[in-house]
Protein backbone atom coordinates (compact mmCIF):
# COMPACT_ATOMS: atom_id res chain seq x y z
CA MET A 1 -0.61 6.61 -34.17
CA LYS A 2 -1.39 9.75 -32.19
CA THR A 3 -3.25 9.49 -28.91
CA ASP A 4 -6.54 11.25 -28.15
CA SER A 5 -5.79 14.62 -26.49
CA LYS A 6 -8.59 14.23 -23.89
CA LYS A 7 -7.22 10.86 -22.82
CA ILE A 8 -3.71 12.32 -22.48
CA GLU A 9 -5.02 15.24 -20.42
CA GLU A 10 -6.83 12.87 -18.07
CA ILE A 11 -3.73 10.72 -17.57
CA LEU A 12 -1.54 13.77 -16.96
CA THR A 13 -4.00 15.26 -14.46
CA LYS A 14 -5.90 12.67 -12.40
CA GLY A 15 -4.10 11.94 -9.14
CA VAL A 16 -0.94 13.71 -10.38
CA GLU A 17 1.07 15.88 -8.00
CA GLN A 18 3.88 17.09 -10.26
CA ILE A 19 5.46 16.55 -13.71
CA THR A 20 9.00 17.74 -14.41
CA ASP A 21 8.19 19.24 -17.82
CA ARG A 22 4.48 18.85 -18.48
CA GLU A 23 4.46 20.42 -21.95
CA HIS A 24 7.37 18.27 -23.10
CA LEU A 25 5.71 15.10 -21.85
CA LYS A 26 2.39 16.10 -23.40
CA LYS A 27 4.09 16.56 -26.79
CA VAL A 28 5.82 13.17 -26.49
CA PHE A 29 2.54 11.41 -25.78
CA SER A 30 0.73 13.32 -28.52
CA SER A 31 3.40 12.30 -31.03
CA GLY A 32 2.51 8.63 -30.62
CA LYS A 33 6.03 7.66 -29.50
CA LYS A 34 6.03 4.58 -27.27
CA LEU A 35 7.94 5.06 -24.02
CA ARG A 36 9.68 2.79 -21.53
CA ILE A 37 7.96 3.79 -18.29
CA LYS A 38 9.58 2.70 -15.04
CA LEU A 39 8.28 2.06 -11.56
CA GLY A 40 10.46 0.73 -8.76
CA ILE A 41 9.00 -1.28 -5.88
CA ASP A 42 11.01 -2.37 -2.86
CA PRO A 43 9.52 -5.57 -1.38
CA THR A 44 9.21 -4.26 2.19
CA GLY A 45 6.19 -6.53 2.78
CA ASP A 46 4.55 -9.49 1.10
CA LYS A 47 1.37 -7.56 0.27
CA ILE A 48 0.76 -4.59 -2.02
CA HIS A 49 -1.53 -1.95 -0.54
CA ILE A 50 -3.98 0.30 -2.36
CA GLY A 51 -1.70 3.33 -1.85
CA ARG A 52 1.03 1.64 -3.83
CA ALA A 53 -1.57 0.39 -6.32
CA ILE A 54 -2.33 4.02 -7.31
CA GLN A 55 0.92 3.94 -9.29
CA LEU A 56 0.05 0.57 -10.83
CA TRP A 57 -3.32 1.86 -12.06
CA LYS A 58 -1.58 4.87 -13.63
CA LEU A 59 0.81 2.45 -15.34
CA LYS A 60 -2.23 0.49 -16.52
CA ALA A 61 -3.52 3.63 -18.24
CA PHE A 62 -0.16 4.01 -20.02
CA GLN A 63 -0.07 0.31 -20.86
CA ASP A 64 -3.51 0.57 -22.47
CA LEU A 65 -2.05 3.24 -24.76
CA GLY A 66 0.70 0.86 -25.88
CA HIS A 67 3.60 2.07 -23.75
CA LYS A 68 6.10 -0.41 -22.30
CA ILE A 69 5.85 -0.78 -18.56
CA VAL A 70 9.05 -1.78 -16.74
CA LEU A 71 8.61 -2.80 -13.13
CA ILE A 72 11.79 -2.97 -11.08
CA ILE A 73 11.55 -5.10 -7.96
CA GLY A 74 14.20 -3.70 -5.61
CA ASP A 75 15.46 -6.98 -4.22
CA PHE A 76 18.93 -5.39 -3.85
CA THR A 77 17.90 -1.91 -2.64
CA ALA A 78 15.52 -3.46 -0.07
CA ARG A 79 18.66 -4.50 1.81
CA ILE A 80 19.23 -0.81 2.49
CA GLY A 81 15.66 0.43 2.93
CA ASP A 82 14.41 3.59 1.28
CA PRO A 83 14.80 6.48 3.77
CA SER A 84 12.62 8.87 1.73
CA ASP A 85 9.61 9.00 4.03
CA LYS A 86 11.15 8.11 7.35
CA PRO A 87 12.39 10.48 10.09
CA GLU A 88 14.69 7.75 11.40
CA GLY A 89 17.01 5.08 10.01
CA ARG A 90 15.23 2.25 8.27
CA ARG A 91 16.05 -1.40 8.78
CA GLY A 92 17.28 -3.15 5.65
CA LEU A 93 15.75 -6.55 4.92
CA LYS A 94 17.55 -9.87 4.97
CA GLU A 95 17.70 -11.96 1.80
CA GLU A 96 15.26 -14.58 3.10
CA GLU A 97 12.74 -11.83 4.00
CA ILE A 98 13.04 -10.34 0.53
CA LYS A 99 12.49 -13.70 -1.18
CA LYS A 100 9.41 -14.33 0.96
CA ASN A 101 7.95 -10.92 0.20
CA VAL A 102 8.60 -11.11 -3.55
CA LYS A 103 7.02 -14.55 -3.92
CA SER A 104 3.44 -13.37 -4.43
CA TYR A 105 4.13 -10.01 -6.10
CA SER A 106 3.47 -11.14 -9.67
CA SER A 107 -0.02 -12.46 -8.91
CA GLN A 108 -0.90 -9.26 -7.04
CA ILE A 109 0.46 -6.98 -9.77
CA GLY A 110 -1.43 -9.12 -12.29
CA LYS A 111 -4.70 -7.94 -10.74
CA ILE A 112 -3.97 -4.57 -12.38
CA LEU A 113 -1.34 -4.86 -15.14
CA ASP A 114 -1.22 -7.23 -18.11
CA LEU A 115 1.83 -9.26 -17.08
CA LYS A 116 2.36 -10.53 -20.63
CA LYS A 117 3.03 -6.95 -21.70
CA THR A 118 5.00 -5.99 -18.57
CA GLU A 119 8.77 -6.24 -18.22
CA ILE A 120 9.61 -7.26 -14.65
CA ARG A 121 13.22 -6.84 -13.58
CA TYR A 122 15.12 -7.28 -10.31
CA ASN A 123 17.84 -4.73 -9.58
CA SER A 124 20.13 -7.39 -8.15
CA GLU A 125 20.67 -8.29 -11.85
CA TRP A 126 23.02 -5.34 -12.30
CA PHE A 127 24.10 -4.43 -8.79
CA LYS A 128 25.53 -7.87 -7.99
CA LYS A 129 27.73 -7.51 -11.09
CA MET A 130 28.66 -3.83 -10.71
CA PRO A 131 32.46 -3.35 -10.39
CA LEU A 132 33.66 -1.16 -7.56
CA GLY A 133 35.14 1.29 -10.06
CA GLU A 134 31.76 1.85 -11.69
CA PHE A 135 30.12 2.42 -8.32
CA LEU A 136 32.78 5.00 -7.43
CA HIS A 137 32.12 6.70 -10.78
CA LEU A 138 28.43 6.75 -9.85
CA ALA A 139 29.10 8.05 -6.32
CA GLY A 140 31.31 10.81 -7.73
CA SER A 141 28.29 12.41 -9.42
CA PHE A 142 26.90 13.69 -6.10
CA SER A 143 28.34 15.65 -3.21
CA VAL A 144 27.68 14.74 0.41
CA GLN A 145 26.11 18.20 0.82
CA GLN A 146 23.56 17.45 -1.93
CA LEU A 147 22.52 14.18 -0.36
CA VAL A 148 22.37 15.41 3.21
CA GLN A 149 20.20 18.38 2.20
CA ARG A 150 17.21 16.13 1.49
CA ARG A 151 14.56 16.92 4.10
CA ASN A 152 14.65 13.85 6.35
CA PHE A 153 18.47 13.60 6.29
CA HIS A 154 18.75 17.31 7.03
CA GLU A 155 16.45 17.00 10.06
CA ARG A 156 18.39 14.03 11.40
CA TRP A 157 21.68 15.87 10.82
CA LYS A 158 20.47 18.87 12.86
CA LYS A 159 19.40 16.55 15.70
CA GLY A 160 22.77 14.83 15.68
CA GLU A 161 21.18 11.50 14.78
CA PRO A 162 23.26 8.97 12.81
CA ILE A 163 22.94 8.72 9.02
CA SER A 164 24.63 5.66 7.58
CA LEU A 165 26.64 5.74 4.35
CA LYS A 166 24.41 2.89 3.19
CA GLU A 167 21.32 5.13 3.45
CA ILE A 168 23.04 7.95 1.59
CA CYS A 169 23.75 5.56 -1.28
CA TYR A 170 20.07 4.67 -1.77
CA PRO A 171 19.20 7.52 -4.23
CA LEU A 172 22.26 6.64 -6.30
CA LEU A 173 21.17 3.04 -6.63
CA GLN A 174 17.55 3.85 -7.43
CA GLY A 175 18.76 6.41 -9.96
CA TYR A 176 21.06 3.89 -11.63
CA ASP A 177 18.07 1.59 -12.16
CA SER A 178 16.92 4.12 -14.77
CA VAL A 179 20.24 3.74 -16.59
CA ALA A 180 20.10 -0.05 -16.46
CA ILE A 181 16.68 -0.30 -18.09
CA LYS A 182 16.97 2.83 -20.30
CA ALA A 183 13.90 4.53 -18.83
CA ASP A 184 12.18 7.31 -20.78
CA MET A 185 9.95 8.15 -17.86
CA GLU A 186 9.60 7.22 -14.18
CA LEU A 187 6.59 7.23 -11.87
CA GLY A 188 6.66 7.56 -8.11
CA GLY A 189 5.02 9.04 -5.05
CA TYR A 190 5.75 12.67 -4.26
CA ASP A 191 8.05 11.55 -1.43
CA GLN A 192 10.24 9.95 -4.11
CA LEU A 193 11.02 13.19 -5.94
CA PHE A 194 14.64 13.40 -4.73
CA ASN A 195 15.34 9.84 -5.89
CA LEU A 196 13.59 10.37 -9.25
CA ASN A 197 15.62 13.49 -9.95
CA ALA A 198 18.77 11.57 -9.01
CA GLY A 199 17.85 9.21 -11.84
CA ARG A 200 17.85 12.12 -14.31
CA ASP A 201 21.28 13.27 -13.12
CA ILE A 202 22.75 9.78 -13.31
CA GLN A 203 21.35 9.21 -16.80
CA ARG A 204 23.11 12.40 -17.93
CA LEU A 205 26.33 11.10 -16.30
CA PHE A 206 26.09 7.99 -18.48
CA GLY A 207 25.35 9.96 -21.66
CA MET A 208 21.61 9.26 -21.76
CA PRO A 209 18.73 11.73 -22.15
CA PRO A 210 17.15 12.38 -18.71
CA GLN A 211 13.87 10.65 -17.99
CA ASP A 212 10.62 12.52 -17.59
CA ILE A 213 9.17 12.35 -14.08
CA MET A 214 5.60 12.07 -12.88
CA THR A 215 4.87 12.07 -9.15
CA LEU A 216 1.47 11.05 -7.85
CA LYS A 217 -0.45 12.26 -4.82
CA MET A 218 0.11 10.41 -1.58
CA LEU A 219 -2.62 8.40 0.09
CA SER A 220 -3.23 8.65 3.83
CA GLY A 221 -3.39 5.39 5.70
CA LEU A 222 -6.12 4.34 8.10
CA ASP A 223 -4.42 6.26 10.94
CA GLY A 224 -4.01 9.49 8.97
CA ARG A 225 -0.29 9.06 8.21
CA LYS A 226 0.94 8.08 4.75
CA MET A 227 -0.16 4.55 3.93
CA SER A 228 2.88 2.38 4.59
CA THR A 229 3.50 -1.34 5.01
CA SER A 230 6.09 -0.49 7.68
CA TRP A 231 3.42 1.26 9.76
CA GLY A 232 0.71 -1.33 9.16
CA ASN A 233 -1.99 1.30 8.45
CA VAL A 234 -2.86 -0.28 5.12
CA VAL A 235 -5.64 -1.76 3.00
CA ASN A 236 -4.01 -4.52 0.96
CA ILE A 237 -5.26 -5.42 -2.49
CA ILE A 238 -5.44 -9.10 -1.49
CA ASP A 239 -7.28 -8.46 1.77
CA LYS A 240 -10.45 -10.53 2.01
CA PRO A 241 -13.42 -8.60 0.55
CA GLU A 242 -15.15 -8.27 3.93
CA ASP A 243 -11.92 -7.06 5.60
CA MET A 244 -11.27 -4.56 2.82
CA TYR A 245 -14.83 -3.28 3.01
CA GLY A 246 -14.71 -2.97 6.80
CA LYS A 247 -11.38 -1.12 6.76
CA ILE A 248 -12.70 1.47 4.31
CA MET A 249 -15.84 1.96 6.38
CA SER A 250 -13.71 2.56 9.49
CA MET A 251 -11.71 5.47 8.10
CA ARG A 252 -12.40 9.14 8.85
CA ASP A 253 -15.01 10.95 6.76
CA GLU A 254 -12.60 13.70 5.65
CA MET A 255 -10.55 11.14 3.72
CA ILE A 256 -13.45 10.01 1.48
CA LEU A 257 -12.77 12.32 -1.47
CA ASP A 258 -9.06 11.52 -1.60
CA TYR A 259 -9.83 7.82 -1.69
CA PHE A 260 -12.42 8.28 -4.44
CA GLU A 261 -9.95 10.29 -6.53
CA LEU A 262 -6.88 8.13 -5.98
CA CYS A 263 -8.21 4.62 -5.40
CA THR A 264 -11.21 4.23 -7.72
CA LEU A 265 -11.86 4.40 -11.45
CA ILE A 266 -14.91 6.66 -11.28
CA SER A 267 -15.14 9.46 -13.84
CA ASP A 268 -14.34 13.10 -13.12
CA LYS A 269 -18.05 13.87 -13.57
CA GLU A 270 -19.01 11.35 -10.86
CA LEU A 271 -16.29 12.69 -8.58
CA MET A 272 -17.66 16.22 -8.95
CA GLU A 273 -21.16 15.00 -8.04
CA ILE A 274 -19.81 13.29 -4.91
CA LYS A 275 -17.97 16.49 -3.95
CA LYS A 276 -21.22 18.45 -4.31
CA ASP A 277 -23.11 15.89 -2.20
CA ILE A 278 -20.52 16.11 0.59
CA LYS A 279 -20.22 19.91 0.47
CA GLY A 280 -24.01 20.37 0.39
CA LYS A 281 -24.56 17.65 2.98
CA LYS A 282 -27.11 16.04 0.67
CA SER A 283 -26.08 12.50 1.57
CA ASN A 284 -25.10 10.75 4.78
CA PRO A 285 -21.28 10.31 4.79
CA LYS A 286 -21.81 6.66 5.78
CA ASN A 287 -23.71 6.05 2.54
CA ILE A 288 -21.03 7.77 0.47
CA LYS A 289 -18.37 5.76 2.26
CA ALA A 290 -20.35 2.58 1.58
CA ARG A 291 -20.22 3.35 -2.13
CA LEU A 292 -16.48 3.96 -1.85
CA ALA A 293 -15.96 0.62 -0.11
CA TYR A 294 -18.08 -1.12 -2.75
CA GLU A 295 -16.08 0.49 -5.61
CA ILE A 296 -12.70 -0.50 -4.13
CA VAL A 297 -13.70 -4.08 -3.32
CA SER A 298 -15.16 -4.46 -6.84
CA MET A 299 -11.87 -3.40 -8.42
CA TYR A 300 -9.93 -6.23 -6.78
CA HIS A 301 -12.54 -8.93 -6.13
CA GLY A 302 -15.43 -8.24 -8.52
CA GLY A 303 -18.98 -6.98 -8.05
CA LYS A 304 -20.42 -10.15 -6.52
CA SER A 305 -17.80 -10.22 -3.76
CA ALA A 306 -18.34 -6.52 -3.11
CA GLN A 307 -22.07 -7.09 -2.76
CA LYS A 308 -21.53 -9.96 -0.29
CA ALA A 309 -19.06 -7.86 1.70
CA GLU A 310 -21.58 -5.04 1.88
CA GLN A 311 -24.34 -7.40 3.06
CA GLU A 312 -22.07 -8.91 5.69
CA PHE A 313 -21.00 -5.47 6.94
CA ASN A 314 -24.62 -4.32 7.22
CA LYS A 315 -25.54 -7.51 9.03
CA ILE A 316 -22.86 -7.01 11.71
CA PHE A 317 -22.75 -3.25 12.11
CA ARG A 318 -26.21 -2.01 11.18
CA GLU A 319 -28.37 -4.96 12.17
CA LYS A 320 -26.05 -5.93 15.06
CA ARG A 321 -26.09 -9.62 14.11
CA LEU A 322 -23.24 -12.14 14.14
CA PRO A 323 -21.27 -12.71 10.91
CA SER A 324 -22.30 -15.60 8.65
CA LYS A 325 -18.84 -17.12 8.88
CA MET A 326 -16.25 -16.99 11.63
CA PRO A 327 -13.31 -19.17 12.72
CA VAL A 328 -14.46 -22.17 14.79
CA PHE A 329 -12.23 -23.70 17.47
CA PHE A 330 -12.71 -26.96 19.33
CA THR A 331 -11.58 -27.05 22.96
CA PRO A 332 -11.86 -29.80 25.59
CA LYS A 333 -10.91 -27.38 28.36
CA PRO A 334 -13.70 -26.25 30.70
CA SER A 335 -12.25 -22.79 31.28
CA TYR A 336 -9.54 -20.29 30.29
CA PRO A 337 -8.05 -17.09 31.68
CA ILE A 338 -9.44 -14.50 29.24
CA THR A 339 -6.01 -13.27 28.10
CA GLU A 340 -4.88 -16.84 27.40
CA LEU A 341 -8.09 -17.51 25.48
CA LEU A 342 -7.63 -14.44 23.25
CA PHE A 343 -4.06 -15.50 22.45
CA HIS A 344 -5.12 -19.13 21.84
CA LEU A 345 -7.82 -18.01 19.37
CA GLY A 346 -5.46 -15.65 17.52
CA LEU A 347 -7.56 -12.65 18.51
CA ALA A 348 -4.56 -11.08 20.28
CA LYS A 349 -0.90 -11.34 19.35
CA SER A 350 0.09 -11.81 22.99
CA LYS A 351 -1.41 -11.99 26.46
CA THR A 352 -0.16 -8.46 27.04
CA GLU A 353 -2.07 -7.22 23.99
CA GLY A 354 -5.11 -9.14 25.26
CA LYS A 355 -4.87 -7.28 28.57
CA ARG A 356 -4.72 -3.96 26.72
CA LEU A 357 -7.75 -4.82 24.56
CA ILE A 358 -9.79 -5.75 27.64
CA THR A 359 -8.75 -2.57 29.48
CA GLN A 360 -9.94 -0.55 26.45
CA GLY A 361 -13.32 -2.30 26.53
CA GLY A 362 -12.77 -4.01 23.20
CA VAL A 363 -13.49 -7.64 24.19
CA ARG A 364 -16.91 -9.31 24.39
CA VAL A 365 -17.94 -12.84 25.32
CA ASP A 366 -21.42 -13.69 24.02
CA SER A 367 -22.07 -9.95 23.54
CA ASN A 368 -21.06 -9.11 27.14
CA ILE A 369 -18.12 -6.75 27.62
CA VAL A 370 -15.25 -8.26 29.60
CA LYS A 371 -14.11 -5.73 32.21
CA ASP A 372 -11.50 -7.70 34.19
CA PHE A 373 -8.39 -9.01 32.37
CA ARG A 374 -7.97 -11.57 35.19
CA GLN A 375 -11.38 -13.10 34.55
CA GLU A 376 -11.65 -16.88 34.11
CA ILE A 377 -13.99 -17.72 31.24
CA LYS A 378 -16.12 -20.87 31.62
CA VAL A 379 -16.41 -22.41 28.16
CA LYS A 380 -19.86 -23.07 26.72
CA ASP A 381 -20.70 -24.74 23.43
CA GLU A 382 -20.94 -22.19 20.56
CA MET A 383 -19.64 -19.40 22.76
CA VAL A 384 -18.67 -16.37 20.62
CA ILE A 385 -15.63 -14.23 21.45
CA GLN A 386 -15.43 -10.80 19.82
CA VAL A 387 -12.50 -8.36 19.68
CA GLY A 388 -13.15 -4.89 18.35
CA LYS A 389 -15.75 -4.59 15.63
CA ARG A 390 -14.54 -7.12 13.10
CA LYS A 391 -12.79 -10.03 14.86
CA PHE A 392 -14.90 -13.02 15.91
CA ALA A 393 -14.28 -16.63 16.93
CA LYS A 394 -16.61 -19.42 18.03
CA LEU A 395 -15.80 -22.12 20.58
CA ILE A 396 -17.31 -25.58 20.41
CA THR A 397 -16.95 -28.34 22.96
CA HIS A 398 -17.88 -31.40 20.87
CA ASP A 399 -15.13 -32.59 18.49
CA GLY A 400 -17.59 -34.24 16.11
CA ARG A 401 -19.16 -30.88 15.35
CA CYS A 402 -15.91 -29.20 14.27
CA GLU A 403 -15.80 -28.70 10.49
């Protein structure tokens, strides 16, 4: 059965950076042929962020058209670490870290894809069994010059910084994944283009037709760099609704349109209207951002949770009231050094971080800013400690009142 041409055009355009042969791919989709479409994910963290989810939503669109989605969890390649987007060597993960990170992937992916129709594979399946001779055959398909010419390797080479043989092998291994699962097409971020093209070359080496490639636009993280688990500048799809909402509201106004285009399911018509509103300054950016936050939270937690998150945000940030819920801690101690208290409550990762937060003016006790990191805090019942705009904790002094 042939697919509607408007639907194909939307899939091949929205959020797409580049397609290797757009006309060829368009003809394949129009013909009604069902493809094996691959996406590789290295489990560098135990949470999937909305930048990575852009690719999952694109796969969802293909899945809805009847194509076979093949997700490859890079439990083997994660030991190397993908160097594609890093200006320095990347630490490979240990096996126990990989197992921990992979544990919850299926449930997170299931928020977007129909797992019953998704083929999930782990690339340790074939790499643990690969004979040395076959790997040497694979390695012989590329020259060192080809591999070192990729942008980040080339920059490190010019600076005289070390590049390990293990890192150089990464594109070969990711490319071989396409051979192992007989991929017709592969998706990836634009930073993955070198690796995706390596897959085409390696498929040819093994007598297979080269896969089509679609790269998607990259999403900036909360600090303006590419959203990356390694950098921690992320909004995770399993973040609590109120945390997700608050993170979106905290980002810079100039990122609003990119997030609407890449991270929501709004129509092109709605997107154009939002662009006009922003360009014509018809709406307050805060209100547009509030709609964005609502849309994103709804996608992962539903409309009711999004509405509650919005109400809670307005209560804290617009009405300047305390949140409805916050962690409650019982303490029998009459007083604490402020840095010790922040660490004890989990509001700072260390006493040193607590000192930094206080120096920056980011710590309040019962709404009063703490100015001296050496201050001794006398504990009062129902005292509220606040760090930044979104972290709160309440202290109580009577054990029977602790829930």
